Amino acid sequence: VEEYKDVESRNFYAEAAASGSDKRTRDTIKGLQILARDHSRIPF
């Protein structure tokens, strides 16, 4: 997750981690791996 630089990705991950729910954190990481804005922003 340290490779995700986007403010939205970081905030949603932090929110999930702070929830205390391991499932929510895992689901959020999985979702970021598919949907995060970071994917479109890595160098050409």
PDB file of all heavy atoms in Angstrom:
ATOM      1  N   VAL A   1       0.818  -1.205   0.000  1.00  0.00           N
ATOM      2  CA  VAL A   1       0.000   0.000   0.000  1.00  0.00           C
ATOM      3  C   VAL A   1       0.857   1.263   0.000  1.00  0.00           C
ATOM      4  O   VAL A   1       0.361   2.345  -0.354  1.00  0.00           O
ATOM      5  CB  VAL A   1      -0.965   0.023   1.211  1.00  0.00           C
ATOM      6  CG1 VAL A   1      -1.995  -1.087   1.103  1.00  0.00           C
ATOM      7  CG2 VAL A   1      -0.194  -0.086   2.517  1.00  0.00           C
ATOM      8  N   GLU A   2       2.132   1.138   0.355  1.00  0.00           N
ATOM      9  CA  GLU A   2       3.001   2.324   0.347  1.00  0.00           C
ATOM     10  C   GLU A   2       3.219   2.862  -1.062  1.00  0.00           C
ATOM     11  O   GLU A   2       3.628   4.019  -1.231  1.00  0.00           O
ATOM     12  CB  GLU A   2       4.346   2.003   0.994  1.00  0.00           C
ATOM     13  CG  GLU A   2       5.242   1.078   0.205  1.00  0.00           C
ATOM     14  CD  GLU A   2       4.938  -0.404   0.436  1.00  0.00           C
ATOM     15  OE1 GLU A   2       3.968  -0.706   1.188  1.00  0.00           O
ATOM     16  OE2 GLU A   2       5.651  -1.252  -0.131  1.00  0.00           O
ATOM     17  N   GLU A   3       2.931   2.061  -2.085  1.00  0.00           N
ATOM     18  CA  GLU A   3       3.085   2.522  -3.466  1.00  0.00           C
ATOM     19  C   GLU A   3       1.905   3.379  -3.928  1.00  0.00           C
ATOM     20  O   GLU A   3       1.960   3.999  -4.982  1.00  0.00           O
ATOM     21  CB  GLU A   3       3.258   1.338  -4.424  1.00  0.00           C
ATOM     22  CG  GLU A   3       4.460   0.453  -4.133  1.00  0.00           C
ATOM     23  CD  GLU A   3       5.789   1.165  -4.338  1.00  0.00           C
ATOM     24  OE1 GLU A   3       5.797   2.274  -4.912  1.00  0.00           O
ATOM     25  OE2 GLU A   3       6.832   0.614  -3.915  1.00  0.00           O
ATOM     26  N   TYR A   4       0.840   3.388  -3.141  1.00  0.00           N
ATOM     27  CA  TYR A   4      -0.334   4.189  -3.490  1.00  0.00           C
ATOM     28  C   TYR A   4      -0.111   5.609  -2.971  1.00  0.00           C
ATOM     29  O   TYR A   4      -0.030   5.835  -1.769  1.00  0.00           O
ATOM     30  CB  TYR A   4      -1.599   3.572  -2.895  1.00  0.00           C
ATOM     31  CG  TYR A   4      -1.986   2.260  -3.537  1.00  0.00           C
ATOM     32  CD1 TYR A   4      -1.316   1.080  -3.214  1.00  0.00           C
ATOM     33  CD2 TYR A   4      -2.996   2.201  -4.480  1.00  0.00           C
ATOM     34  CE1 TYR A   4      -1.654  -0.125  -3.815  1.00  0.00           C
ATOM     35  CE2 TYR A   4      -3.348   0.999  -5.087  1.00  0.00           C
ATOM     36  CZ  TYR A   4      -2.667  -0.156  -4.754  1.00  0.00           C
ATOM     37  OH  TYR A   4      -3.002  -1.350  -5.360  1.00  0.00           O
ATOM     38  N   LYS A   5      -0.014   6.553  -3.891  1.00  0.00           N
ATOM     39  CA  LYS A   5       0.336   7.926  -3.545  1.00  0.00           C
ATOM     40  C   LYS A   5      -0.874   8.858  -3.472  1.00  0.00           C
ATOM     41  O   LYS A   5      -0.796   9.941  -2.891  1.00  0.00           O
ATOM     42  CB  LYS A   5       1.315   8.493  -4.588  1.00  0.00           C
ATOM     43  CG  LYS A   5       2.525   7.618  -4.878  1.00  0.00           C
ATOM     44  CD  LYS A   5       3.398   7.424  -3.666  1.00  0.00           C
ATOM     45  CE  LYS A   5       4.665   6.644  -4.014  1.00  0.00           C
ATOM     46  NZ  LYS A   5       5.475   6.346  -2.815  1.00  0.00           N
ATOM     47  N   ASP A   6      -1.965   8.459  -4.065  1.00  0.00           N
ATOM     48  CA  ASP A   6      -3.124   9.343  -4.199  1.00  0.00           C
ATOM     49  C   ASP A   6      -3.785   9.628  -2.861  1.00  0.00           C
ATOM     50  O   ASP A   6      -3.935   8.731  -2.017  1.00  0.00           O
ATOM     51  CB  ASP A   6      -4.134   8.710  -5.156  1.00  0.00           C
ATOM     52  CG  ASP A   6      -5.401   9.524  -5.286  1.00  0.00           C
ATOM     53  OD1 ASP A   6      -5.296  10.727  -5.540  1.00  0.00           O
ATOM     54  OD2 ASP A   6      -6.491   8.952  -5.114  1.00  0.00           O
ATOM     55  N   VAL A   7      -4.223  10.875  -2.669  1.00  0.00           N
ATOM     56  CA  VAL A   7      -4.840  11.279  -1.413  1.00  0.00           C
ATOM     57  C   VAL A   7      -6.109  10.482  -1.133  1.00  0.00           C
ATOM     58  O   VAL A   7      -6.396  10.124   0.025  1.00  0.00           O
ATOM     59  CB  VAL A   7      -5.123  12.801  -1.407  1.00  0.00           C
ATOM     60  CG1 VAL A   7      -6.078  13.203  -2.533  1.00  0.00           C
ATOM     61  CG2 VAL A   7      -5.688  13.250  -0.071  1.00  0.00           C
ATOM     62  N   GLU A   8      -6.875  10.174  -2.171  1.00  0.00           N
ATOM     63  CA  GLU A   8      -8.101   9.407  -1.964  1.00  0.00           C
ATOM     64  C   GLU A   8      -7.777   7.985  -1.523  1.00  0.00           C
ATOM     65  O   GLU A   8      -8.370   7.457  -0.579  1.00  0.00           O
ATOM     66  CB  GLU A   8      -8.946   9.388  -3.232  1.00  0.00           C
ATOM     67  CG  GLU A   8     -10.277   8.674  -3.055  1.00  0.00           C
ATOM     68  CD  GLU A   8     -11.145   8.725  -4.291  1.00  0.00           C
ATOM     69  OE1 GLU A   8     -10.717   8.212  -5.351  1.00  0.00           O
ATOM     70  OE2 GLU A   8     -12.249   9.290  -4.205  1.00  0.00           O
ATOM     71  N   SER A   9      -6.827   7.342  -2.194  1.00  0.00           N
ATOM     72  CA  SER A   9      -6.445   5.979  -1.821  1.00  0.00           C
ATOM     73  C   SER A   9      -5.956   5.936  -0.383  1.00  0.00           C
ATOM     74  O   SER A   9      -6.345   5.056   0.406  1.00  0.00           O
ATOM     75  CB  SER A   9      -5.337   5.473  -2.752  1.00  0.00           C
ATOM     76  OG  SER A   9      -5.764   5.438  -4.094  1.00  0.00           O
ATOM     77  N   ARG A  10      -5.096   6.873  -0.018  1.00  0.00           N
ATOM     78  CA  ARG A  10      -4.541   6.884   1.332  1.00  0.00           C
ATOM     79  C   ARG A  10      -5.624   7.130   2.385  1.00  0.00           C
ATOM     80  O   ARG A  10      -5.633   6.493   3.451  1.00  0.00           O
ATOM     81  CB  ARG A  10      -3.454   7.952   1.423  1.00  0.00           C
ATOM     82  CG  ARG A  10      -2.175   7.587   0.674  1.00  0.00           C
ATOM     83  CD  ARG A  10      -1.154   8.710   0.728  1.00  0.00           C
ATOM     84  NE  ARG A  10       0.116   8.324   0.146  1.00  0.00           N
ATOM     85  CZ  ARG A  10       1.124   7.755   0.816  1.00  0.00           C
ATOM     86  NH1 ARG A  10       0.984   7.496   2.107  1.00  0.00           N
ATOM     87  NH2 ARG A  10       2.249   7.430   0.217  1.00  0.00           N
ATOM     88  N   ASN A  11      -6.540   8.034   2.093  1.00  0.00           N
ATOM     89  CA  ASN A  11      -7.589   8.336   3.070  1.00  0.00           C
ATOM     90  C   ASN A  11      -8.536   7.159   3.278  1.00  0.00           C
ATOM     91  O   ASN A  11      -8.928   6.854   4.412  1.00  0.00           O
ATOM     92  CB  ASN A  11      -8.378   9.571   2.633  1.00  0.00           C
ATOM     93  CG  ASN A  11      -7.637  10.864   2.922  1.00  0.00           C
ATOM     94  OD1 ASN A  11      -6.462  10.855   3.294  1.00  0.00           O
ATOM     95  ND2 ASN A  11      -8.303  11.982   2.756  1.00  0.00           N
ATOM     96  N   PHE A  12      -8.918   6.505   2.183  1.00  0.00           N
ATOM     97  CA  PHE A  12      -9.834   5.376   2.324  1.00  0.00           C
ATOM     98  C   PHE A  12      -9.153   4.206   3.030  1.00  0.00           C
ATOM     99  O   PHE A  12      -9.781   3.504   3.830  1.00  0.00           O
ATOM    100  CB  PHE A  12     -10.382   4.952   0.966  1.00  0.00           C
ATOM    101  CG  PHE A  12     -11.621   5.692   0.548  1.00  0.00           C
ATOM    102  CD1 PHE A  12     -11.546   6.949  -0.026  1.00  0.00           C
ATOM    103  CD2 PHE A  12     -12.874   5.142   0.743  1.00  0.00           C
ATOM    104  CE1 PHE A  12     -12.686   7.639  -0.399  1.00  0.00           C
ATOM    105  CE2 PHE A  12     -14.031   5.819   0.379  1.00  0.00           C
ATOM    106  CZ  PHE A  12     -13.931   7.073  -0.187  1.00  0.00           C
ATOM    107  N   TYR A  13      -7.871   3.984   2.736  1.00  0.00           N
ATOM    108  CA  TYR A  13      -7.153   2.920   3.438  1.00  0.00           C
ATOM    109  C   TYR A  13      -7.042   3.245   4.926  1.00  0.00           C
ATOM    110  O   TYR A  13      -7.262   2.390   5.789  1.00  0.00           O
ATOM    111  CB  TYR A  13      -5.769   2.718   2.834  1.00  0.00           C
ATOM    112  CG  TYR A  13      -4.935   1.750   3.635  1.00  0.00           C
ATOM    113  CD1 TYR A  13      -5.201   0.387   3.593  1.00  0.00           C
ATOM    114  CD2 TYR A  13      -3.905   2.206   4.458  1.00  0.00           C
ATOM    115  CE1 TYR A  13      -4.463  -0.511   4.353  1.00  0.00           C
ATOM    116  CE2 TYR A  13      -3.162   1.317   5.226  1.00  0.00           C
ATOM    117  CZ  TYR A  13      -3.444  -0.035   5.159  1.00  0.00           C
ATOM    118  OH  TYR A  13      -2.709  -0.915   5.922  1.00  0.00           O
ATOM    119  N   ALA A  14      -6.707   4.494   5.239  1.00  0.00           N
ATOM    120  CA  ALA A  14      -6.581   4.898   6.643  1.00  0.00           C
ATOM    121  C   ALA A  14      -7.911   4.756   7.374  1.00  0.00           C
ATOM    122  O   ALA A  14      -7.952   4.319   8.541  1.00  0.00           O
ATOM    123  CB  ALA A  14      -6.079   6.335   6.733  1.00  0.00           C
ATOM    124  N   GLU A  15      -8.999   5.106   6.714  1.00  0.00           N
ATOM    125  CA  GLU A  15     -10.318   4.980   7.328  1.00  0.00           C
ATOM    126  C   GLU A  15     -10.629   3.517   7.620  1.00  0.00           C
ATOM    127  O   GLU A  15     -11.144   3.179   8.697  1.00  0.00           O
ATOM    128  CB  GLU A  15     -11.378   5.574   6.414  1.00  0.00           C
ATOM    129  CG  GLU A  15     -12.785   5.542   6.995  1.00  0.00           C
ATOM    130  CD  GLU A  15     -13.827   6.079   6.028  1.00  0.00           C
ATOM    131  OE1 GLU A  15     -13.777   5.722   4.836  1.00  0.00           O
ATOM    132  OE2 GLU A  15     -14.688   6.856   6.468  1.00  0.00           O
ATOM    133  N   ALA A  16     -10.297   2.634   6.661  1.00  0.00           N
ATOM    134  CA  ALA A  16     -10.560   1.208   6.867  1.00  0.00           C
ATOM    135  C   ALA A  16      -9.708   0.657   8.003  1.00  0.00           C
ATOM    136  O   ALA A  16     -10.187  -0.093   8.859  1.00  0.00           O
ATOM    137  CB  ALA A  16     -10.291   0.439   5.581  1.00  0.00           C
ATOM    138  N   ALA A  17      -8.426   1.047   8.026  1.00  0.00           N
ATOM    139  CA  ALA A  17      -7.527   0.559   9.069  1.00  0.00           C
ATOM    140  C   ALA A  17      -7.977   1.034  10.452  1.00  0.00           C
ATOM    141  O   ALA A  17      -7.879   0.300  11.442  1.00  0.00           O
ATOM    142  CB  ALA A  17      -6.100   1.008   8.779  1.00  0.00           C
ATOM    143  N   ALA A  18      -8.488   2.271  10.508  1.00  0.00           N
ATOM    144  CA  ALA A  18      -8.927   2.827  11.791  1.00  0.00           C
ATOM    145  C   ALA A  18     -10.239   2.221  12.273  1.00  0.00           C
ATOM    146  O   ALA A  18     -10.594   2.364  13.446  1.00  0.00           O
ATOM    147  CB  ALA A  18      -9.079   4.347  11.669  1.00  0.00           C
ATOM    148  N   SER A  19     -10.952   1.537  11.377  1.00  0.00           N
ATOM    149  CA  SER A  19     -12.251   0.969  11.755  1.00  0.00           C
ATOM    150  C   SER A  19     -12.103  -0.201  12.722  1.00  0.00           C
ATOM    151  O   SER A  19     -13.072  -0.580  13.401  1.00  0.00           O
ATOM    152  CB  SER A  19     -13.001   0.495  10.510  1.00  0.00           C
ATOM    153  OG  SER A  19     -12.397  -0.675   9.959  1.00  0.00           O
ATOM    154  N   GLY A  20     -10.907  -0.803  12.763  1.00  0.00           N
ATOM    155  CA  GLY A  20     -10.697  -1.960  13.615  1.00  0.00           C
ATOM    156  C   GLY A  20     -11.185  -3.261  13.010  1.00  0.00           C
ATOM    157  O   GLY A  20     -11.065  -4.329  13.629  1.00  0.00           O
ATOM    158  N   SER A  21     -11.715  -3.208  11.792  1.00  0.00           N
ATOM    159  CA  SER A  21     -12.229  -4.397  11.130  1.00  0.00           C
ATOM    160  C   SER A  21     -11.189  -4.920  10.131  1.00  0.00           C
ATOM    161  O   SER A  21     -10.892  -4.257   9.139  1.00  0.00           O
ATOM    162  CB  SER A  21     -13.541  -4.079  10.400  1.00  0.00           C
ATOM    163  OG  SER A  21     -13.898  -5.130   9.527  1.00  0.00           O
ATOM    164  N   ASP A  22     -10.661  -6.111  10.414  1.00  0.00           N
ATOM    165  CA  ASP A  22      -9.693  -6.694   9.486  1.00  0.00           C
ATOM    166  C   ASP A  22     -10.336  -6.964   8.130  1.00  0.00           C
ATOM    167  O   ASP A  22      -9.692  -6.796   7.089  1.00  0.00           O
ATOM    168  CB  ASP A  22      -9.143  -8.002  10.056  1.00  0.00           C
ATOM    169  CG  ASP A  22      -8.238  -7.775  11.263  1.00  0.00           C
ATOM    170  OD1 ASP A  22      -7.781  -6.632  11.443  1.00  0.00           O
ATOM    171  OD2 ASP A  22      -8.003  -8.747  12.009  1.00  0.00           O
ATOM    172  N   LYS A  23     -11.598  -7.370   8.123  1.00  0.00           N
ATOM    173  CA  LYS A  23     -12.280  -7.654   6.863  1.00  0.00           C
ATOM    174  C   LYS A  23     -12.412  -6.388   6.020  1.00  0.00           C
ATOM    175  O   LYS A  23     -12.158  -6.402   4.814  1.00  0.00           O
ATOM    176  CB  LYS A  23     -13.665  -8.250   7.114  1.00  0.00           C
ATOM    177  CG  LYS A  23     -14.415  -8.607   5.834  1.00  0.00           C
ATOM    178  CD  LYS A  23     -15.779  -9.202   6.133  1.00  0.00           C
ATOM    179  CE  LYS A  23     -16.457  -9.701   4.861  1.00  0.00           C
ATOM    180  NZ  LYS A  23     -16.574  -8.651   3.820  1.00  0.00           N
ATOM    181  N   ARG A  24     -12.813  -5.309   6.662  1.00  0.00           N
ATOM    182  CA  ARG A  24     -12.954  -4.058   5.901  1.00  0.00           C
ATOM    183  C   ARG A  24     -11.608  -3.613   5.339  1.00  0.00           C
ATOM    184  O   ARG A  24     -11.536  -3.138   4.199  1.00  0.00           O
ATOM    185  CB  ARG A  24     -13.545  -2.962   6.779  1.00  0.00           C
ATOM    186  CG  ARG A  24     -13.746  -1.649   6.024  1.00  0.00           C
ATOM    187  CD  ARG A  24     -14.442  -0.603   6.857  1.00  0.00           C
ATOM    188  NE  ARG A  24     -14.520   0.663   6.145  1.00  0.00           N
ATOM    189  CZ  ARG A  24     -15.006   1.787   6.669  1.00  0.00           C
ATOM    190  NH1 ARG A  24     -15.467   1.793   7.906  1.00  0.00           N
ATOM    191  NH2 ARG A  24     -15.040   2.899   5.962  1.00  0.00           N
ATOM    192  N   THR A  25     -10.545  -3.785   6.116  1.00  0.00           N
ATOM    193  CA  THR A  25      -9.222  -3.411   5.628  1.00  0.00           C
ATOM    194  C   THR A  25      -8.824  -4.278   4.443  1.00  0.00           C
ATOM    195  O   THR A  25      -8.329  -3.770   3.425  1.00  0.00           O
ATOM    196  CB  THR A  25      -8.181  -3.539   6.753  1.00  0.00           C
ATOM    197  OG1 THR A  25      -8.571  -2.712   7.849  1.00  0.00           O
ATOM    198  CG2 THR A  25      -6.798  -3.117   6.268  1.00  0.00           C
ATOM    199  N   ARG A  26      -9.030  -5.598   4.552  1.00  0.00           N
ATOM    200  CA  ARG A  26      -8.703  -6.492   3.426  1.00  0.00           C
ATOM    201  C   ARG A  26      -9.530  -6.158   2.198  1.00  0.00           C
ATOM    202  O   ARG A  26      -9.016  -6.121   1.074  1.00  0.00           O
ATOM    203  CB  ARG A  26      -8.943  -7.951   3.830  1.00  0.00           C
ATOM    204  CG  ARG A  26      -7.942  -8.508   4.839  1.00  0.00           C
ATOM    205  CD  ARG A  26      -8.049 -10.029   4.900  1.00  0.00           C
ATOM    206  NE  ARG A  26      -9.399 -10.467   5.232  1.00  0.00           N
ATOM    207  CZ  ARG A  26      -9.842 -10.667   6.475  1.00  0.00           C
ATOM    208  NH1 ARG A  26      -9.032 -10.435   7.506  1.00  0.00           N
ATOM    209  NH2 ARG A  26     -11.082 -11.082   6.688  1.00  0.00           N
ATOM    210  N   ASP A  27     -10.826  -5.914   2.397  1.00  0.00           N
ATOM    211  CA  ASP A  27     -11.708  -5.599   1.261  1.00  0.00           C
ATOM    212  C   ASP A  27     -11.296  -4.280   0.611  1.00  0.00           C
ATOM    213  O   ASP A  27     -11.370  -4.137  -0.619  1.00  0.00           O
ATOM    214  CB  ASP A  27     -13.161  -5.523   1.723  1.00  0.00           C
ATOM    215  CG  ASP A  27     -13.745  -6.888   2.050  1.00  0.00           C
ATOM    216  OD1 ASP A  27     -13.127  -7.907   1.683  1.00  0.00           O
ATOM    217  OD2 ASP A  27     -14.826  -6.927   2.685  1.00  0.00           O
ATOM    218  N   THR A  28     -10.888  -3.323   1.408  1.00  0.00           N
ATOM    219  CA  THR A  28     -10.461  -2.029   0.861  1.00  0.00           C
ATOM    220  C   THR A  28      -9.176  -2.182   0.062  1.00  0.00           C
ATOM    221  O   THR A  28      -9.042  -1.609  -1.038  1.00  0.00           O
ATOM    222  CB  THR A  28     -10.276  -1.000   1.986  1.00  0.00           C
ATOM    223  OG1 THR A  28     -11.525  -0.806   2.659  1.00  0.00           O
ATOM    224  CG2 THR A  28      -9.776   0.331   1.438  1.00  0.00           C
ATOM    225  N   ILE A  29      -8.236  -2.964   0.581  1.00  0.00           N
ATOM    226  CA  ILE A  29      -6.999  -3.203  -0.177  1.00  0.00           C
ATOM    227  C   ILE A  29      -7.317  -3.894  -1.499  1.00  0.00           C
ATOM    228  O   ILE A  29      -6.788  -3.514  -2.557  1.00  0.00           O
ATOM    229  CB  ILE A  29      -6.018  -4.039   0.658  1.00  0.00           C
ATOM    230  CG1 ILE A  29      -5.503  -3.224   1.851  1.00  0.00           C
ATOM    231  CG2 ILE A  29      -4.849  -4.510  -0.202  1.00  0.00           C
ATOM    232  CD1 ILE A  29      -4.653  -4.026   2.814  1.00  0.00           C
ATOM    233  N   LYS A  30      -8.194  -4.882  -1.470  1.00  0.00           N
ATOM    234  CA  LYS A  30      -8.584  -5.568  -2.705  1.00  0.00           C
ATOM    235  C   LYS A  30      -9.232  -4.589  -3.688  1.00  0.00           C
ATOM    236  O   LYS A  30      -8.937  -4.605  -4.899  1.00  0.00           O
ATOM    237  CB  LYS A  30      -9.554  -6.710  -2.390  1.00  0.00           C
ATOM    238  CG  LYS A  30     -10.039  -7.448  -3.623  1.00  0.00           C
ATOM    239  CD  LYS A  30     -11.034  -8.541  -3.261  1.00  0.00           C
ATOM    240  CE  LYS A  30     -11.577  -9.230  -4.518  1.00  0.00           C
ATOM    241  NZ  LYS A  30     -12.582 -10.284  -4.181  1.00  0.00           N
ATOM    242  N   GLY A  31     -10.109  -3.738  -3.157  1.00  0.00           N
ATOM    243  CA  GLY A  31     -10.757  -2.754  -4.022  1.00  0.00           C
ATOM    244  C   GLY A  31      -9.770  -1.778  -4.617  1.00  0.00           C
ATOM    245  O   GLY A  31      -9.856  -1.423  -5.797  1.00  0.00           O
ATOM    246  N   LEU A  32      -8.813  -1.333  -3.810  1.00  0.00           N
ATOM    247  CA  LEU A  32      -7.789  -0.421  -4.325  1.00  0.00           C
ATOM    248  C   LEU A  32      -6.975  -1.086  -5.429  1.00  0.00           C
ATOM    249  O   LEU A  32      -6.592  -0.434  -6.412  1.00  0.00           O
ATOM    250  CB  LEU A  32      -6.874   0.037  -3.192  1.00  0.00           C
ATOM    251  CG  LEU A  32      -7.480   1.004  -2.178  1.00  0.00           C
ATOM    252  CD1 LEU A  32      -6.538   1.190  -0.996  1.00  0.00           C
ATOM    253  CD2 LEU A  32      -7.788   2.356  -2.827  1.00  0.00           C
ATOM    254  N   GLN A  33      -6.713  -2.375  -5.300  1.00  0.00           N
ATOM    255  CA  GLN A  33      -5.933  -3.081  -6.322  1.00  0.00           C
ATOM    256  C   GLN A  33      -6.653  -3.132  -7.660  1.00  0.00           C
ATOM    257  O   GLN A  33      -6.012  -3.303  -8.703  1.00  0.00           O
ATOM    258  CB  GLN A  33      -5.626  -4.500  -5.836  1.00  0.00           C
ATOM    259  CG  GLN A  33      -4.619  -4.538  -4.694  1.00  0.00           C
ATOM    260  CD  GLN A  33      -4.448  -5.935  -4.120  1.00  0.00           C
ATOM    261  OE1 GLN A  33      -5.301  -6.814  -4.313  1.00  0.00           O
ATOM    262  NE2 GLN A  33      -3.356  -6.158  -3.409  1.00  0.00           N
ATOM    263  N   ILE A  34      -7.956  -2.942  -7.648  1.00  0.00           N
ATOM    264  CA  ILE A  34      -8.742  -2.956  -8.893  1.00  0.00           C
ATOM    265  C   ILE A  34      -9.093  -1.545  -9.354  1.00  0.00           C
ATOM    266  O   ILE A  34      -9.012  -1.230 -10.540  1.00  0.00           O
ATOM    267  CB  ILE A  34     -10.046  -3.765  -8.701  1.00  0.00           C
ATOM    268  CG1 ILE A  34      -9.727  -5.208  -8.297  1.00  0.00           C
ATOM    269  CG2 ILE A  34     -10.889  -3.744  -9.986  1.00  0.00           C
ATOM    270  CD1 ILE A  34     -10.953  -5.991  -7.846  1.00  0.00           C
ATOM    271  N   LEU A  35      -9.457  -0.680  -8.406  1.00  0.00           N
ATOM    272  CA  LEU A  35     -10.143   0.565  -8.740  1.00  0.00           C
ATOM    273  C   LEU A  35      -9.349   1.843  -8.503  1.00  0.00           C
ATOM    274  O   LEU A  35      -9.749   2.908  -8.990  1.00  0.00           O
ATOM    275  CB  LEU A  35     -11.441   0.663  -7.924  1.00  0.00           C
ATOM    276  CG  LEU A  35     -12.429  -0.498  -8.060  1.00  0.00           C
ATOM    277  CD1 LEU A  35     -13.487  -0.407  -6.961  1.00  0.00           C
ATOM    278  CD2 LEU A  35     -13.068  -0.507  -9.436  1.00  0.00           C
ATOM    279  N   ALA A  36      -8.259   1.794  -7.759  1.00  0.00           N
ATOM    280  CA  ALA A  36      -7.601   3.014  -7.304  1.00  0.00           C
ATOM    281  C   ALA A  36      -7.179   3.933  -8.447  1.00  0.00           C
ATOM    282  O   ALA A  36      -6.807   3.484  -9.538  1.00  0.00           O
ATOM    283  CB  ALA A  36      -6.373   2.663  -6.459  1.00  0.00           C
ATOM    284  N   ARG A  37      -7.194   5.210  -8.171  1.00  0.00           N
ATOM    285  CA  ARG A  37      -6.775   6.208  -9.156  1.00  0.00           C
ATOM    286  C   ARG A  37      -5.285   6.075  -9.471  1.00  0.00           C
ATOM    287  O   ARG A  37      -4.849   6.444 -10.566  1.00  0.00           O
ATOM    288  CB  ARG A  37      -7.077   7.613  -8.636  1.00  0.00           C
ATOM    289  CG  ARG A  37      -8.521   7.796  -8.196  1.00  0.00           C
ATOM    290  CD  ARG A  37      -8.965   9.226  -8.060  1.00  0.00           C
ATOM    291  NE  ARG A  37      -8.148  10.050  -7.185  1.00  0.00           N
ATOM    292  CZ  ARG A  37      -8.403  11.343  -6.960  1.00  0.00           C
ATOM    293  NH1 ARG A  37      -9.441  11.913  -7.540  1.00  0.00           N
ATOM    294  NH2 ARG A  37      -7.641  12.049  -6.149  1.00  0.00           N
ATOM    295  N   ASP A  38      -4.523   5.535  -8.543  1.00  0.00           N
ATOM    296  CA  ASP A  38      -3.069   5.406  -8.732  1.00  0.00           C
ATOM    297  C   ASP A  38      -2.705   4.607  -9.985  1.00  0.00           C
ATOM    298  O   ASP A  38      -1.676   4.878 -10.612  1.00  0.00           O
ATOM    299  CB  ASP A  38      -2.445   4.710  -7.519  1.00  0.00           C
ATOM    300  CG  ASP A  38      -2.731   5.420  -6.223  1.00  0.00           C
ATOM    301  OD1 ASP A  38      -3.864   5.266  -5.706  1.00  0.00           O
ATOM    302  OD2 ASP A  38      -1.861   6.139  -5.723  1.00  0.00           O
ATOM    303  N   HIS A  39      -3.516   3.613 -10.343  1.00  0.00           N
ATOM    304  CA  HIS A  39      -3.162   2.737 -11.459  1.00  0.00           C
ATOM    305  C   HIS A  39      -2.965   3.507 -12.764  1.00  0.00           C
ATOM    306  O   HIS A  39      -2.120   3.154 -13.586  1.00  0.00           O
ATOM    307  CB  HIS A  39      -4.245   1.677 -11.650  1.00  0.00           C
ATOM    308  CG  HIS A  39      -4.442   0.794 -10.467  1.00  0.00           C
ATOM    309  ND1 HIS A  39      -3.450  -0.008  -9.946  1.00  0.00           N
ATOM    310  CD2 HIS A  39      -5.529   0.600  -9.668  1.00  0.00           C
ATOM    311  CE1 HIS A  39      -3.912  -0.673  -8.894  1.00  0.00           C
ATOM    312  NE2 HIS A  39      -5.178  -0.309  -8.700  1.00  0.00           N
ATOM    313  N   SER A  40      -3.756   4.544 -12.948  1.00  0.00           N
ATOM    314  CA  SER A  40      -3.665   5.312 -14.186  1.00  0.00           C
ATOM    315  C   SER A  40      -2.535   6.326 -14.155  1.00  0.00           C
ATOM    316  O   SER A  40      -2.256   6.965 -15.169  1.00  0.00           O
ATOM    317  CB  SER A  40      -4.993   6.037 -14.443  1.00  0.00           C
ATOM    318  OG  SER A  40      -5.261   6.966 -13.399  1.00  0.00           O
ATOM    319  N   ARG A  41      -1.868   6.459 -13.008  1.00  0.00           N
ATOM    320  CA  ARG A  41      -0.916   7.550 -12.838  1.00  0.00           C
ATOM    321  C   ARG A  41       0.540   7.101 -12.801  1.00  0.00           C
ATOM    322  O   ARG A  41       1.436   7.928 -12.680  1.00  0.00           O
ATOM    323  CB  ARG A  41      -1.269   8.325 -11.565  1.00  0.00           C
ATOM    324  CG  ARG A  41      -2.693   8.858 -11.614  1.00  0.00           C
ATOM    325  CD  ARG A  41      -3.120   9.582 -10.352  1.00  0.00           C
ATOM    326  NE  ARG A  41      -4.517  10.031 -10.469  1.00  0.00           N
ATOM    327  CZ  ARG A  41      -5.113  10.856  -9.623  1.00  0.00           C
ATOM    328  NH1 ARG A  41      -4.430  11.324  -8.588  1.00  0.00           N
ATOM    329  NH2 ARG A  41      -6.365  11.219  -9.789  1.00  0.00           N
ATOM    330  N   ILE A  42       0.781   5.793 -12.894  1.00  0.00           N
ATOM    331  CA  ILE A  42       2.169   5.353 -12.952  1.00  0.00           C
ATOM    332  C   ILE A  42       2.771   5.777 -14.290  1.00  0.00           C
ATOM    333  O   ILE A  42       2.051   6.000 -15.262  1.00  0.00           O
ATOM    334  CB  ILE A  42       2.294   3.828 -12.741  1.00  0.00           C
ATOM    335  CG1 ILE A  42       1.554   3.052 -13.826  1.00  0.00           C
ATOM    336  CG2 ILE A  42       1.798   3.432 -11.366  1.00  0.00           C
ATOM    337  CD1 ILE A  42       1.753   1.550 -13.722  1.00  0.00           C
ATOM    338  N   PRO A  43       4.093   5.926 -14.361  1.00  0.00           N
ATOM    339  CA  PRO A  43       4.714   6.490 -15.568  1.00  0.00           C
ATOM    340  C   PRO A  43       4.411   5.716 -16.845  1.00  0.00           C
ATOM    341  O   PRO A  43       4.305   4.486 -16.842  1.00  0.00           O
ATOM    342  CB  PRO A  43       6.211   6.437 -15.233  1.00  0.00           C
ATOM    343  CG  PRO A  43       6.260   6.560 -13.750  1.00  0.00           C
ATOM    344  CD  PRO A  43       5.068   5.775 -13.272  1.00  0.00           C
ATOM    345  N   PHE A  44       4.299   6.491 -17.921  1.00  0.00           N
ATOM    346  CA  PHE A  44       4.072   5.921 -19.246  1.00  0.00           C
ATOM    347  C   PHE A  44       5.253   5.031 -19.618  1.00  0.00           C
ATOM    348  O   PHE A  44       6.413   5.365 -19.352  1.00  0.00           O
ATOM    349  CB  PHE A  44       3.908   7.038 -20.276  1.00  0.00           C
ATOM    350  CG  PHE A  44       3.438   6.555 -21.626  1.00  0.00           C
ATOM    351  CD1 PHE A  44       2.098   6.561 -21.936  1.00  0.00           C
ATOM    352  CD2 PHE A  44       4.343   6.099 -22.581  1.00  0.00           C
ATOM    353  CE1 PHE A  44       1.656   6.117 -23.176  1.00  0.00           C
ATOM    354  CE2 PHE A  44       3.910   5.652 -23.813  1.00  0.00           C
ATOM    355  CZ  PHE A  44       2.562   5.660 -24.117  1.00  0.00           C
TER     356      PHE A  44
END
